[in-house]
């Protein structure tokens, strides 16, 4: 399994859950498959996450194997190299998952907020979503709650428009000159 397959694991999970809700035939098949002895009572969703879990567990397993192997053993150096390779693979997969999450989150923010300056583009190939949260903005003696979105190169803050919290006004704040 390659890292791009693992990156799409969440999308696959969401599709599976949608199909389980929308198709009674598929849901029935999935329940029947779960009862099969080879499925060990695991549902389809559990099978989707297994490869990701395994990739994260292999470096841990190899580390324990290294602890139990004498440094003078002829396989020790090969085990040490294998451990390094497995850690690099797990790190790469985690990085790719973060990039995929960043892209999805950025698309969601771009879709659900309005009021960008005319030539501003949120989605850029070099831009990465970092985090978000609520912030109390104090200006001109007034306090206002804002929701902020931190990216690697900008800070975006939003406020609710009227009673509809899904419709938020976007404002681009100052550039973050961080060293991420």
Protein backbone atom coordinates (compact mmCIF):
# COMPACT_ATOMS: atom_id res chain seq x y z
CA UNK A 1 0.00 0.00 0.00
CA UNK A 2 1.44 3.39 -0.93
CA UNK A 3 1.17 6.62 1.05
CA UNK A 4 -1.42 8.11 -1.32
CA UNK A 5 -3.76 5.22 -0.45
CA UNK A 6 -3.31 5.99 3.22
CA UNK A 7 -3.95 9.68 2.69
CA UNK A 8 -7.34 8.86 1.19
CA UNK A 9 -8.27 6.58 4.08
CA UNK A 10 -10.49 9.24 5.66
CA UNK A 11 -12.31 9.88 2.37
CA UNK A 12 -12.84 6.14 2.01
CA UNK A 13 -14.18 5.97 5.55
CA UNK A 14 -16.62 8.84 4.88
CA UNK A 15 -17.80 7.16 1.68
CA UNK A 16 -18.28 3.86 3.51
CA UNK A 17 -20.33 5.51 6.27
CA UNK A 18 -22.46 7.34 3.69
CA UNK A 19 -23.14 4.09 1.80
CA UNK A 20 -24.02 2.29 5.02
CA UNK A 21 -26.63 4.97 5.73
CA UNK A 22 -28.00 5.28 2.21
CA UNK A 23 -28.16 1.63 1.12
CA UNK A 24 -29.94 -0.93 3.26
CA UNK A 25 -28.65 -3.72 0.98
CA UNK A 26 -25.06 -2.61 1.49
CA UNK A 27 -25.58 -2.21 5.25
CA UNK A 28 -27.05 -5.71 5.40
CA UNK A 29 -24.11 -7.13 3.45
CA UNK A 30 -21.66 -5.34 5.76
CA UNK A 31 -23.33 -6.78 8.86
CA UNK A 32 -23.25 -10.26 7.32
CA UNK A 33 -19.58 -9.88 6.40
CA UNK A 34 -18.77 -8.77 9.95
CA UNK A 35 -20.25 -11.99 11.33
CA UNK A 36 -18.03 -14.13 9.08
CA UNK A 37 -15.39 -15.97 11.13
CA UNK A 38 -12.51 -14.60 9.04
CA UNK A 39 -13.67 -11.03 9.84
CA UNK A 40 -13.17 -11.71 13.58
CA UNK A 41 -16.26 -9.56 14.24
CA UNK A 42 -14.53 -6.46 12.78
CA UNK A 43 -16.65 -4.12 10.68
CA UNK A 44 -15.56 -2.70 7.32
CA UNK A 45 -14.48 0.56 8.92
CA UNK A 46 -12.00 -1.33 11.12
CA UNK A 47 -10.49 -2.94 8.03
CA UNK A 48 -9.98 0.47 6.43
CA UNK A 49 -7.83 1.69 9.31
CA UNK A 50 -5.78 -1.52 9.73
CA UNK A 51 -3.07 -0.58 7.16
CA UNK A 52 -2.55 2.82 8.80
CA UNK A 53 -2.31 1.25 12.24
CA UNK A 54 0.15 -1.35 11.02
CA UNK A 55 2.47 1.19 9.44
CA UNK A 56 2.57 3.05 12.75
CA UNK A 57 3.17 -0.15 14.74
CA UNK A 58 6.01 -1.59 12.63
CA UNK A 59 8.65 0.89 13.89
CA UNK A 60 7.59 0.15 17.48
CA UNK A 61 7.81 -3.58 16.87
CA UNK A 62 11.23 -3.20 15.26
CA UNK A 63 12.44 -1.04 18.16
CA UNK A 64 11.42 -3.75 20.64
CA UNK A 65 13.13 -6.37 18.50
CA UNK A 66 16.31 -4.25 18.51
CA UNK A 67 16.16 -3.98 22.31
CA UNK A 68 16.03 -7.77 22.56
CA UNK A 69 18.83 -8.34 20.03
CA UNK A 70 22.44 -8.34 21.14
CA UNK A 71 24.55 -5.77 19.28
CA UNK A 72 27.02 -8.53 18.41
CA UNK A 73 24.30 -10.55 16.64
CA UNK A 74 24.88 -10.75 12.86
CA UNK A 75 21.37 -9.40 12.16
CA UNK A 76 21.62 -6.38 14.47
CA UNK A 77 22.85 -3.90 11.83
CA UNK A 78 20.21 -5.04 9.33
CA UNK A 79 17.51 -4.68 12.01
CA UNK A 80 18.77 -1.20 12.85
CA UNK A 81 18.63 -0.15 9.17
CA UNK A 82 15.16 -1.69 8.82
CA UNK A 83 14.01 0.25 11.88
CA UNK A 84 15.26 3.50 10.32
CA UNK A 85 13.50 2.74 7.05
CA UNK A 86 10.23 1.90 8.83
CA UNK A 87 10.39 5.11 10.88
CA UNK A 88 10.96 7.13 7.69
CA UNK A 89 7.97 5.46 6.03
CA UNK A 90 5.72 6.11 9.02
CA UNK A 91 6.87 9.74 9.16
CA UNK A 92 6.24 10.19 5.42
CA UNK A 93 2.74 8.73 5.73
CA UNK A 94 1.96 11.04 8.66
CA UNK A 95 3.24 14.06 6.71
CA UNK A 96 1.09 13.13 3.71
CA UNK A 97 -1.96 12.76 5.93
CA UNK A 98 -1.29 16.22 7.37
CA UNK A 99 -0.96 17.70 3.87
CA UNK A 100 -4.24 16.06 2.80
CA UNK A 101 -5.98 17.34 5.94
CA UNK A 102 -4.61 20.83 5.31
CA UNK A 103 -5.95 20.82 1.75
CA UNK A 104 -9.40 19.58 2.83
CA UNK A 105 -9.59 22.10 5.68
CA UNK A 106 -8.50 24.96 3.44
CA UNK A 107 -11.14 24.03 0.85
CA UNK A 108 -13.81 23.91 3.59
CA UNK A 109 -12.79 27.33 4.93
CA UNK A 110 -12.70 28.82 1.44
CA UNK A 111 -16.16 27.42 0.65
CA UNK A 112 -17.84 28.50 3.87
CA UNK A 113 -16.50 32.01 4.35
CA UNK A 114 -17.20 35.11 2.28
CA UNK A 115 -15.80 38.62 1.95
CA UNK A 116 -12.28 37.97 0.71
CA UNK A 117 -10.44 40.91 -0.89
CA UNK A 118 -10.88 40.79 -4.68
CA UNK A 119 -7.47 39.39 -5.64
CA UNK A 120 -6.91 37.22 -2.58
CA UNK A 121 -6.57 33.44 -2.99
CA UNK A 122 -6.73 31.22 0.06
CA UNK A 123 -5.82 27.99 -1.71
CA UNK A 124 -2.20 28.20 -2.83
CA UNK A 125 0.15 25.24 -3.40
CA UNK A 126 2.56 26.55 -0.78
CA UNK A 127 -0.05 27.40 1.86
CA UNK A 128 -0.70 24.97 4.71
CA UNK A 129 -3.40 25.05 7.37
CA UNK A 130 -1.83 24.99 10.85
CA UNK A 131 -4.62 25.43 13.40
CA UNK A 132 -7.77 27.34 14.32
CA UNK A 133 -9.52 28.61 17.41
CA UNK A 134 -11.46 31.42 19.01
CA UNK A 135 -9.80 34.70 19.88
CA UNK A 136 -11.02 37.76 21.74
CA UNK A 137 -10.27 40.85 19.64
CA UNK A 138 -10.02 44.10 21.54
CA UNK A 139 -10.05 47.34 19.58
CA UNK A 140 -11.38 50.86 20.18
CA UNK A 141 -12.37 49.80 23.68
CA UNK A 142 -14.64 47.06 22.35
CA UNK A 143 -14.32 43.30 22.63
CA UNK A 144 -15.39 40.94 19.87
CA UNK A 145 -15.10 37.17 19.60
CA UNK A 146 -13.44 36.07 16.36
CA UNK A 147 -12.63 32.68 14.95
CA UNK A 148 -9.08 32.60 13.61
CA UNK A 149 -7.46 30.30 11.09
CA UNK A 150 -3.68 30.11 11.20
CA UNK A 151 -1.86 29.10 8.03
CA UNK A 152 1.90 28.89 7.49
CA UNK A 153 1.94 32.37 5.94
CA UNK A 154 -1.25 34.23 6.97
CA UNK A 155 -3.71 34.62 9.79
CA UNK A 156 -7.39 34.78 8.82
CA UNK A 157 -10.02 35.92 11.28
CA UNK A 158 -13.75 35.65 10.82
CA UNK A 159 -16.86 36.92 12.54
CA UNK A 160 -20.43 35.68 12.35
CA UNK A 161 -22.82 37.54 10.11
CA UNK A 162 -26.22 37.87 11.75
CA UNK A 163 -27.76 34.79 13.31
CA UNK A 164 -26.57 32.34 10.64
CA UNK A 165 -23.27 31.06 12.02
CA UNK A 166 -22.50 29.19 8.80
CA UNK A 167 -22.23 32.48 6.93
CA UNK A 168 -19.11 34.17 8.22
CA UNK A 169 -17.28 37.22 6.98
CA UNK A 170 -13.64 36.63 6.06
CA UNK A 171 -10.93 39.06 6.84
CA UNK A 172 -7.32 38.56 6.03
CA UNK A 173 -5.09 39.60 8.89
CA UNK A 174 -1.42 40.42 8.83
CA UNK A 175 1.01 37.93 7.37
CA UNK A 176 2.59 35.59 9.87
CA UNK A 177 6.30 35.75 9.34
CA UNK A 178 6.97 32.54 11.20
CA UNK A 179 9.71 30.04 10.50
CA UNK A 180 7.56 26.93 10.05
